[in-house]
C-alpha atoms as a PDB file:
ATOM      1  CA  MET A   1      88.025 120.643  99.413  1.00  0.00           C
ATOM      2  CA  PRO A   2      91.037 119.519 101.374  1.00  0.00           C
ATOM      3  CA  ARG A   3      93.720 117.358  99.688  1.00  0.00           C
ATOM      4  CA  TYR A   4      94.934 114.664 102.025  1.00  0.00           C
ATOM      5  CA  HIS A   5      98.232 112.343 101.626  1.00  0.00           C
ATOM      6  CA  PHE A   6      98.388 108.726 102.238  1.00  0.00           C
ATOM      7  CA  VAL A   7     101.998 108.051 103.014  1.00  0.00           C
ATOM      8  CA  VAL A   8     103.088 104.266 103.928  1.00  0.00           C
ATOM      9  CA  HIS A   9     105.778 104.233 106.506  1.00  0.00           C
ATOM     10  CA  ALA A  10     107.512 101.047 107.719  1.00  0.00           C
ATOM     11  CA  PRO A  11     110.863 100.548 109.539  1.00  0.00           C
ATOM     12  CA  ASP A  12     112.815  99.921 106.405  1.00  0.00           C
ATOM     13  CA  HIS A  13     111.156 102.014 103.988  1.00  0.00           C
ATOM     14  CA  ARG A  14     108.631 104.689 103.274  1.00  0.00           C
ATOM     15  CA  HIS A  15     106.229 105.119 100.302  1.00  0.00           C
ATOM     16  CA  ASP A  16     105.047 108.613  99.674  1.00  0.00           C
ATOM     17  CA  ASP A  17     102.130 110.117  97.850  1.00  0.00           C
ATOM     18  CA  PRO A  18     103.123 113.427  96.297  1.00  0.00           C
ATOM     19  CA  ASN A  19      99.780 113.696  94.560  1.00  0.00           C
ATOM     20  CA  GLY A  20      97.380 113.161  97.291  1.00  0.00           C
ATOM     21  CA  MET A  21      93.613 113.008  97.330  1.00  0.00           C
ATOM     22  CA  LEU A  22      90.990 115.594  97.382  1.00  0.00           C
ATOM     23  CA  LEU A  23      88.118 114.575 100.280  1.00  0.00           C
ATOM     24  CA  TRP A  24      85.534 116.401 102.436  1.00  0.00           C
ATOM     25  CA  SER A  25      86.992 116.068 106.030  1.00  0.00           C
ATOM     26  CA  HIS A  26      89.604 114.343 107.986  1.00  0.00           C
ATOM     27  CA  GLU A  27      86.971 111.484 108.803  1.00  0.00           C
ATOM     28  CA  ALA A  28      86.866 110.862 105.013  1.00  0.00           C
ATOM     29  CA  ALA A  29      90.356 110.398 104.897  1.00  0.00           C
ATOM     30  CA  ARG A  30      90.563 108.444 107.707  1.00  0.00           C
ATOM     31  CA  ALA A  31      87.983 105.892 106.380  1.00  0.00           C
ATOM     32  CA  HIS A  32      90.016 105.945 102.812  1.00  0.00           C
ATOM     33  CA  GLY A  33      93.177 105.444 104.961  1.00  0.00           C
ATOM     34  CA  HIS A  34      91.204 102.194 106.393  1.00  0.00           C
ATOM     35  CA  ARG A  35      90.626 101.081 102.901  1.00  0.00           C
ATOM     36  CA  ILE A  36      94.054 101.705 101.449  1.00  0.00           C
ATOM     37  CA  VAL A  37      95.575  99.412 104.504  1.00  0.00           C
ATOM     38  CA  ARG A  38      92.786  96.554 104.012  1.00  0.00           C
ATOM     39  CA  GLU A  39      93.246  96.372 100.527  1.00  0.00           C
ATOM     40  CA  LEU A  40      97.338  96.307 101.101  1.00  0.00           C
ATOM     41  CA  LYS A  41      97.116  93.644 103.573  1.00  0.00           C
ATOM     42  CA  ASP A  42      94.425  91.425 101.572  1.00  0.00           C
ATOM     43  CA  GLY A  43      97.320  91.995  98.809  1.00  0.00           C
ATOM     44  CA  GLY A  44      99.904  90.531 101.272  1.00  0.00           C
ATOM     45  CA  TYR A  45     101.570  93.302 102.632  1.00  0.00           C
ATOM     46  CA  ASP A  46     101.931  93.553 106.117  1.00  0.00           C
ATOM     47  CA  PRO A  47     105.305  94.404 107.388  1.00  0.00           C
ATOM     48  CA  PRO A  48     105.683  94.582 110.980  1.00  0.00           C
ATOM     49  CA  GLY A  49     105.422  97.859 112.416  1.00  0.00           C
ATOM     50  CA  ALA A  50     104.252  99.363 109.346  1.00  0.00           C
ATOM     51  CA  THR A  51     101.363 102.325 109.802  1.00  0.00           C
ATOM     52  CA  LEU A  52      99.621 104.559 107.068  1.00  0.00           C
ATOM     53  CA  LEU A  53     100.263 108.025 107.767  1.00  0.00           C
ATOM     54  CA  VAL A  54      97.177 110.548 106.821  1.00  0.00           C
ATOM     55  CA  LEU A  55      98.599 113.915 106.082  1.00  0.00           C
ATOM     56  CA  ASP A  56      96.595 117.063 105.317  1.00  0.00           C
ATOM     57  CA  GLU A  57      97.684 119.973 103.106  1.00  0.00           C
ATOM     58  CA  GLU A  58     100.487 121.229 105.392  1.00  0.00           C
ATOM     59  CA  GLY A  59     101.875 117.767 105.905  1.00  0.00           C
ATOM     60  CA  GLU A  60     100.653 117.401 109.349  1.00  0.00           C
ATOM     61  CA  THR A  61      99.626 113.875 110.591  1.00  0.00           C
ATOM     62  CA  VAL A  62      96.097 113.561 110.993  1.00  0.00           C
ATOM     63  CA  HIS A  63      95.510 109.947 111.372  1.00  0.00           C
ATOM     64  CA  CYS A  64      98.218 106.773 111.895  1.00  0.00           C
ATOM     65  CA  ILE A  65      96.879 103.474 111.202  1.00  0.00           C
ATOM     66  CA  PRO A  66      98.483 100.551 111.800  1.00  0.00           C
ATOM     67  CA  PHE A  67      98.879  97.658 109.601  1.00  0.00           C
END
C-alpha cells in the first residue's frame, strides 16, 4: 500500500508531513486531502493562497487542493 504525504503550502509558510499515511490509491489520498482541508477550514485556518499538496512516496505531487 503506498504512503502519501499531505503538505500545507501557504505563501508565508509550509507545514510538512514527514510520516504520511498509507492509503489504497491516489483517489483515496485525494479524498483524505479534501477532508483535511475541510477540517482545517472548519477550525478557522483559511489563509489566502494556501493549498494542500498530496505527495506520493517519491515526493511527486499527485493532487493540489486549494483552501
